[in-house]
Protein backbone atom coordinates (compact mmCIF):
# COMPACT_ATOMS: atom_id res chain seq x y z
CA MET A 1 17.10 -19.36 -24.97
CA ALA A 2 15.50 -17.91 -21.90
CA GLN A 3 16.84 -15.72 -19.64
CA GLU A 4 17.23 -17.25 -15.96
CA LEU A 5 15.75 -15.09 -13.54
CA SER A 6 18.24 -13.33 -11.14
CA ILE A 7 16.20 -13.04 -7.78
CA SER A 8 18.75 -10.45 -6.09
CA GLU A 9 18.23 -8.57 -9.29
CA LEU A 10 14.69 -9.01 -8.64
CA VAL A 11 14.91 -8.17 -5.46
CA GLU A 12 17.16 -4.90 -5.33
CA VAL A 13 15.51 -3.12 -8.63
CA MET A 14 11.82 -3.66 -6.74
CA GLY A 15 12.90 -2.56 -4.00
CA GLU A 16 14.08 0.63 -5.47
CA PHE A 17 10.85 0.87 -7.34
CA THR A 18 9.02 0.42 -4.34
CA ARG A 19 10.65 3.59 -2.69
CA MET A 20 10.77 5.83 -5.60
CA ASN A 21 6.38 4.27 -6.44
CA ILE A 22 5.72 5.46 -2.24
CA ARG A 23 7.81 8.72 -3.01
CA LEU A 24 6.03 9.82 -6.09
CA PRO A 25 3.08 11.79 -4.66
CA ALA A 26 4.13 15.29 -3.57
CA ILE A 27 0.87 15.80 -1.42
CA GLN A 28 0.03 14.43 1.74
CA ARG A 29 3.30 13.83 3.00
CA LEU A 30 2.88 11.11 5.58
CA SER A 31 5.01 8.44 7.14
CA PHE A 32 5.26 4.85 5.09
CA THR A 33 3.14 3.22 7.85
CA THR A 34 0.60 6.02 8.26
CA LEU A 35 0.07 5.67 4.59
CA SER A 36 0.19 2.32 4.31
CA VAL A 37 -2.52 1.92 7.13
CA LEU A 38 -4.60 3.99 5.09
CA HIS A 39 -4.18 1.96 2.15
CA THR A 40 -4.91 -1.55 3.89
CA LEU A 41 -7.87 0.12 5.47
CA ALA A 42 -9.23 1.45 1.94
CA THR A 43 -8.11 -1.80 0.09
CA VAL A 44 -9.36 -4.48 3.04
CA GLY A 45 -12.00 -2.74 5.18
CA PRO A 46 -12.68 -2.00 8.79
CA GLN A 47 -9.89 -3.55 10.59
CA ARG A 48 -9.16 -4.13 14.52
CA LEU A 49 -6.29 -2.75 16.07
CA SER A 50 -4.72 -6.37 16.78
CA GLU A 51 -4.94 -6.94 12.69
CA LEU A 52 -3.63 -3.50 11.95
CA THR A 53 -0.80 -4.69 14.08
CA ALA A 54 -0.30 -7.56 12.45
CA SER A 55 -0.35 -6.44 8.72
CA GLU A 56 1.84 -3.20 8.88
CA GLN A 57 4.38 -5.34 11.19
CA VAL A 58 4.68 -2.75 14.16
CA THR A 59 3.63 -2.73 17.93
CA GLN A 60 0.50 -2.67 19.30
CA PRO A 61 1.43 0.98 20.80
CA ALA A 62 2.95 2.01 17.74
CA ILE A 63 -0.80 0.98 16.05
CA THR A 64 -2.67 2.81 18.57
CA GLN A 65 -0.16 6.06 17.96
CA ILE A 66 -0.62 5.82 14.32
CA VAL A 67 -4.43 5.42 14.67
CA THR A 68 -4.91 7.94 17.48
CA LYS A 69 -3.37 10.22 15.17
CA LEU A 70 -5.34 9.14 12.38
CA GLU A 71 -8.28 9.42 14.01
CA ARG A 72 -7.47 13.24 15.24
CA GLU A 73 -6.91 14.16 11.52
CA GLY A 74 -10.03 12.70 10.59
CA LEU A 75 -8.77 9.76 7.90
CA VAL A 76 -10.30 7.06 10.22
CA GLU A 77 -12.64 6.39 13.17
CA ARG A 78 -13.32 3.95 15.69
CA ARG A 79 -16.44 2.31 15.65
CA ALA A 80 -17.53 -1.08 17.80
CA ASP A 81 -17.70 -4.28 16.20
CA PRO A 82 -20.87 -5.44 15.94
CA SER A 83 -20.09 -9.09 15.72
CA ASP A 84 -18.08 -8.19 19.20
CA GLY A 85 -19.32 -5.53 21.60
CA ARG A 86 -15.77 -5.25 23.39
CA ALA A 87 -13.88 -4.76 20.45
CA VAL A 88 -13.48 -1.95 17.80
CA LEU A 89 -13.07 -1.82 14.18
CA VAL A 90 -11.27 1.18 12.74
CA HIS A 91 -12.75 2.56 9.87
CA ILE A 92 -11.34 4.66 6.89
CA THR A 93 -13.16 8.06 7.07
CA GLY A 94 -14.07 9.58 2.88
CA ALA A 95 -11.20 12.12 3.76
CA GLY A 96 -8.75 9.40 4.18
CA ALA A 97 -10.35 7.30 1.07
CA ALA A 98 -9.64 10.91 -0.55
CA VAL A 99 -5.81 10.68 0.72
CA VAL A 100 -5.40 7.87 -0.81
CA ARG A 101 -7.30 8.24 -4.18
CA GLY A 102 -5.66 11.40 -4.43
CA ARG A 103 -2.34 9.56 -3.84
CA GLN A 104 -2.80 7.04 -6.65
CA GLU A 105 -3.88 9.92 -9.07
CA GLU A 106 -0.69 12.01 -9.09
CA ARG A 107 1.33 8.78 -8.94
CA MET A 108 -0.49 7.69 -12.21
CA VAL A 109 0.46 11.38 -13.07
CA ARG A 110 4.22 11.28 -12.21
CA LEU A 111 4.88 7.84 -13.92
CA THR A 112 3.10 8.29 -16.91
CA GLU A 113 5.58 11.25 -17.25
CA LEU A 114 8.51 8.65 -16.54
CA ALA A 115 7.28 5.83 -18.73
CA GLU A 116 6.85 9.15 -21.71
CA ARG A 117 10.55 8.98 -21.43
CA LEU A 118 11.29 5.36 -22.13
CA THR A 119 11.39 3.95 -25.51
CA PRO A 120 8.52 1.66 -26.66
CA ALA A 121 10.45 -1.65 -26.30
CA GLU A 122 10.77 -0.66 -22.70
CA ARG A 123 7.10 0.43 -22.24
CA SER A 124 6.63 -2.89 -23.98
CA ARG A 125 9.21 -4.92 -22.17
CA ILE A 126 7.00 -3.91 -18.81
CA GLN A 127 4.13 -4.64 -20.31
CA ALA A 128 5.00 -8.12 -20.64
CA ALA A 129 6.20 -8.41 -16.81
CA LEU A 130 2.70 -7.31 -15.26
CA PRO A 131 0.94 -10.62 -15.38
CA ALA A 132 4.08 -12.68 -14.13
CA LEU A 133 4.13 -9.74 -10.83
CA THR A 134 0.69 -10.15 -10.65
CA ARG A 135 0.84 -13.90 -9.86
CA LEU A 136 3.44 -13.06 -7.50
CA VAL A 137 1.69 -11.50 -5.70
CA GLU A 138 -0.87 -13.73 -5.47
CA LEU A 139 0.94 -16.65 -4.38
CA HIS A 140 2.53 -14.61 -1.92
CA ARG A 141 -1.71 -13.70 -0.88
CA ALA A 142 -2.52 -17.50 -0.69
CA SER A 143 0.78 -18.15 1.07
CA GLY A 144 -1.33 -16.55 3.99
CA ASP A 145 1.85 -14.46 4.87
CA GLU A 146 0.01 -11.00 4.30
């Protein structure tokens, strides 16, 4: 008989896993929101400040402050929006993309070390859950909530 999905357990475990995953890399320690902005720009592409405000769920002044700090550090740059000369797009720089890649690489190393301490059966159960977790992400994106 199939075990019923406990949404409360899923939320709790995913929350703890997410916090662990975010904190795994020891390089380029930046705030969660700052890292999220870099990741958004690396995966979605250039964004207007208003789009970043919405996706990162922060205020306009907060996103402006974050982007200004990232710009000073050479991780992002602002460029005129070719479709609207009055607007500005925030682009990730090569250095910013390197931060995202470096953190991802370190996360892979650290998670590999942890996964090696699991039993083969535990690793297999995680592997079996990946398609369903991927589908949840797809459903979320399709709902327009992201």
